[in-house]
Amino acid sequence: ASVEALLDETQVIQKNVDIGKKDEPAFEKSVEEVAAQLAAVAPSHLNEDQSARLRDLVKKRMCGETDKNGFYEQLDLGFSHGGVGLRAEVAHNIARRMEILLVKLKDYIE
């Protein structure tokens, strides 16, 4: 997607996070939204378990419980070892997109 499209996505997420600081369901909605956008980048469909792990990982990243490298490593880590189980290049692409989406959310996770 273009930079403009990514920035539009961050504006929607920003609104939800603003609400989310006072409202847990709105924060969960932002996590779902980010995870869905990132999953859409994967060349193959994620199964239900992979999607759940991706959501958990997005939440940890948005809350600052993991850093950029930890996020990438969990995406890349084999499913049987507790990761999402994506190929390295797909994990790299998704991790990069996550960092772009976090640019506007920086104040909320630091």
C-alpha atoms as a PDB file:
ATOM      1  CA  ALA A   1       0.000   0.000   0.000  1.00  0.00           C
ATOM      2  CA  SER A   2       1.039   3.561  -0.508  1.00  0.00           C
ATOM      3  CA  VAL A   3       2.371   5.780   2.268  1.00  0.00           C
ATOM      4  CA  GLU A   4      -0.877   7.790   2.048  1.00  0.00           C
ATOM      5  CA  ALA A   5      -2.952   4.668   2.626  1.00  0.00           C
ATOM      6  CA  LEU A   6      -0.813   3.736   5.636  1.00  0.00           C
ATOM      7  CA  LEU A   7      -1.210   7.230   7.077  1.00  0.00           C
ATOM      8  CA  ASP A   8      -4.987   7.023   6.619  1.00  0.00           C
ATOM      9  CA  GLU A   9      -4.910   3.709   8.497  1.00  0.00           C
ATOM     10  CA  THR A  10      -2.958   5.292  11.354  1.00  0.00           C
ATOM     11  CA  GLN A  11      -5.541   8.060  11.705  1.00  0.00           C
ATOM     12  CA  VAL A  12      -8.315   5.520  12.245  1.00  0.00           C
ATOM     13  CA  ILE A  13      -6.152   3.635  14.740  1.00  0.00           C
ATOM     14  CA  GLN A  14      -5.189   6.900  16.485  1.00  0.00           C
ATOM     15  CA  LYS A  15      -8.863   7.719  17.109  1.00  0.00           C
ATOM     16  CA  ASN A  16      -9.468   4.255  18.528  1.00  0.00           C
ATOM     17  CA  VAL A  17      -6.412   4.451  20.788  1.00  0.00           C
ATOM     18  CA  ASP A  18      -7.511   7.874  22.076  1.00  0.00           C
ATOM     19  CA  ILE A  19     -10.826   6.285  23.014  1.00  0.00           C
ATOM     20  CA  GLY A  20      -9.056   3.103  24.107  1.00  0.00           C
ATOM     21  CA  LYS A  21      -7.154   4.813  26.875  1.00  0.00           C
ATOM     22  CA  LYS A  22     -10.539   5.216  28.558  1.00  0.00           C
ATOM     23  CA  ASP A  23     -12.255   2.270  26.920  1.00  0.00           C
ATOM     24  CA  GLU A  24     -10.792  -1.242  26.703  1.00  0.00           C
ATOM     25  CA  PRO A  25     -13.192  -2.467  23.951  1.00  0.00           C
ATOM     26  CA  ALA A  26     -12.097   0.410  21.668  1.00  0.00           C
ATOM     27  CA  PHE A  27      -8.438  -0.492  22.235  1.00  0.00           C
ATOM     28  CA  GLU A  28      -9.227  -4.127  21.426  1.00  0.00           C
ATOM     29  CA  LYS A  29     -10.936  -2.905  18.245  1.00  0.00           C
ATOM     30  CA  SER A  30      -7.755  -1.053  17.226  1.00  0.00           C
ATOM     31  CA  VAL A  31      -5.695  -4.182  17.888  1.00  0.00           C
ATOM     32  CA  GLU A  32      -8.107  -6.196  15.712  1.00  0.00           C
ATOM     33  CA  GLU A  33      -7.926  -3.579  12.973  1.00  0.00           C
ATOM     34  CA  VAL A  34      -4.125  -3.443  12.935  1.00  0.00           C
ATOM     35  CA  ALA A  35      -3.850  -7.246  13.003  1.00  0.00           C
ATOM     36  CA  ALA A  36      -6.310  -7.542  10.096  1.00  0.00           C
ATOM     37  CA  GLN A  37      -4.368  -4.961   8.053  1.00  0.00           C
ATOM     38  CA  LEU A  38      -1.096  -6.774   8.728  1.00  0.00           C
ATOM     39  CA  ALA A  39      -2.578 -10.214   8.004  1.00  0.00           C
ATOM     40  CA  ALA A  40      -3.812  -8.890   4.642  1.00  0.00           C
ATOM     41  CA  VAL A  41      -0.168  -8.319   3.640  1.00  0.00           C
ATOM     42  CA  ALA A  42       0.717 -12.005   4.067  1.00  0.00           C
ATOM     43  CA  PRO A  43       0.804 -13.781   0.682  1.00  0.00           C
ATOM     44  CA  SER A  44      -1.031 -16.780   2.130  1.00  0.00           C
ATOM     45  CA  HIS A  45      -4.061 -16.823   4.410  1.00  0.00           C
ATOM     46  CA  LEU A  46      -3.290 -17.124   8.125  1.00  0.00           C
ATOM     47  CA  ASN A  47      -5.144 -19.882   9.928  1.00  0.00           C
ATOM     48  CA  GLU A  48      -7.188 -19.122  13.056  1.00  0.00           C
ATOM     49  CA  ASP A  49      -4.340 -19.948  15.468  1.00  0.00           C
ATOM     50  CA  GLN A  50      -1.836 -17.834  13.520  1.00  0.00           C
ATOM     51  CA  SER A  51      -4.321 -14.943  13.461  1.00  0.00           C
ATOM     52  CA  ALA A  52      -4.789 -15.214  17.237  1.00  0.00           C
ATOM     53  CA  ARG A  53      -1.020 -15.141  17.786  1.00  0.00           C
ATOM     54  CA  LEU A  54      -0.695 -12.162  15.449  1.00  0.00           C
ATOM     55  CA  ARG A  55      -3.412 -10.299  17.414  1.00  0.00           C
ATOM     56  CA  ASP A  56      -1.648 -11.038  20.717  1.00  0.00           C
ATOM     57  CA  LEU A  57       1.648  -9.879  19.242  1.00  0.00           C
ATOM     58  CA  VAL A  58       0.132  -6.649  17.868  1.00  0.00           C
ATOM     59  CA  LYS A  59      -1.353  -5.940  21.293  1.00  0.00           C
ATOM     60  CA  LYS A  60       2.029  -6.493  22.985  1.00  0.00           C
ATOM     61  CA  ARG A  61       3.708  -4.197  20.457  1.00  0.00           C
ATOM     62  CA  MET A  62       1.065  -1.468  20.848  1.00  0.00           C
ATOM     63  CA  CYS A  63       1.408  -1.668  24.637  1.00  0.00           C
ATOM     64  CA  GLY A  64       5.198  -1.563  24.443  1.00  0.00           C
ATOM     65  CA  GLU A  65       5.611  -5.075  25.876  1.00  0.00           C
ATOM     66  CA  THR A  66       7.828  -6.066  22.933  1.00  0.00           C
ATOM     67  CA  ASP A  67      10.128  -4.072  20.684  1.00  0.00           C
ATOM     68  CA  LYS A  68      10.572  -4.029  16.906  1.00  0.00           C
ATOM     69  CA  ASN A  69      13.064  -6.915  16.962  1.00  0.00           C
ATOM     70  CA  GLY A  70      10.982  -9.025  19.333  1.00  0.00           C
ATOM     71  CA  PHE A  71       7.933  -8.429  17.134  1.00  0.00           C
ATOM     72  CA  TYR A  72       9.820  -9.578  14.029  1.00  0.00           C
ATOM     73  CA  GLU A  73      11.303 -12.612  15.818  1.00  0.00           C
ATOM     74  CA  GLN A  74       7.862 -13.777  16.988  1.00  0.00           C
ATOM     75  CA  LEU A  75       6.435 -13.381  13.466  1.00  0.00           C
ATOM     76  CA  ASP A  76       9.349 -15.380  12.034  1.00  0.00           C
ATOM     77  CA  LEU A  77       9.475 -18.034  14.788  1.00  0.00           C
ATOM     78  CA  GLY A  78       8.020 -21.397  13.798  1.00  0.00           C
ATOM     79  CA  PHE A  79       4.433 -22.008  14.893  1.00  0.00           C
ATOM     80  CA  SER A  80       5.415 -25.144  16.814  1.00  0.00           C
ATOM     81  CA  HIS A  81       7.875 -23.011  18.820  1.00  0.00           C
ATOM     82  CA  GLY A  82       5.201 -20.491  19.834  1.00  0.00           C
ATOM     83  CA  GLY A  83       5.603 -17.964  17.001  1.00  0.00           C
ATOM     84  CA  VAL A  84       3.273 -16.955  14.166  1.00  0.00           C
ATOM     85  CA  GLY A  85       5.278 -19.075  11.702  1.00  0.00           C
ATOM     86  CA  LEU A  86       5.728 -16.691   8.769  1.00  0.00           C
ATOM     87  CA  ARG A  87       8.559 -16.809   6.232  1.00  0.00           C
ATOM     88  CA  ALA A  88      11.402 -14.402   7.088  1.00  0.00           C
ATOM     89  CA  GLU A  89      10.678 -11.989   4.217  1.00  0.00           C
ATOM     90  CA  VAL A  90       6.947 -11.880   5.062  1.00  0.00           C
ATOM     91  CA  ALA A  91       7.743 -11.365   8.762  1.00  0.00           C
ATOM     92  CA  HIS A  92      10.144  -8.543   7.830  1.00  0.00           C
ATOM     93  CA  ASN A  93       7.511  -6.836   5.647  1.00  0.00           C
ATOM     94  CA  ILE A  94       4.816  -7.086   8.342  1.00  0.00           C
ATOM     95  CA  ALA A  95       7.199  -5.875  11.082  1.00  0.00           C
ATOM     96  CA  ARG A  96       8.156  -2.890   8.905  1.00  0.00           C
ATOM     97  CA  ARG A  97       4.497  -2.019   8.315  1.00  0.00           C
ATOM     98  CA  MET A  98       3.787  -2.298  12.037  1.00  0.00           C
ATOM     99  CA  GLU A  99       6.526   0.244  12.757  1.00  0.00           C
ATOM    100  CA  ILE A 100       5.044   2.623  10.195  1.00  0.00           C
ATOM    101  CA  LEU A 101       1.613   2.269  11.809  1.00  0.00           C
ATOM    102  CA  LEU A 102       3.164   2.932  15.214  1.00  0.00           C
ATOM    103  CA  VAL A 103       4.755   6.218  14.153  1.00  0.00           C
ATOM    104  CA  LYS A 104       1.617   8.165  15.027  1.00  0.00           C
ATOM    105  CA  LEU A 105       0.963   6.028  18.094  1.00  0.00           C
ATOM    106  CA  LYS A 106       4.445   6.559  19.540  1.00  0.00           C
ATOM    107  CA  ASP A 107       3.219   8.771  22.377  1.00  0.00           C
ATOM    108  CA  TYR A 108       0.927   5.988  23.576  1.00  0.00           C
ATOM    109  CA  ILE A 109       3.496   3.218  23.768  1.00  0.00           C
ATOM    110  CA  GLU A 110       6.514   5.020  25.220  1.00  0.00           C
END
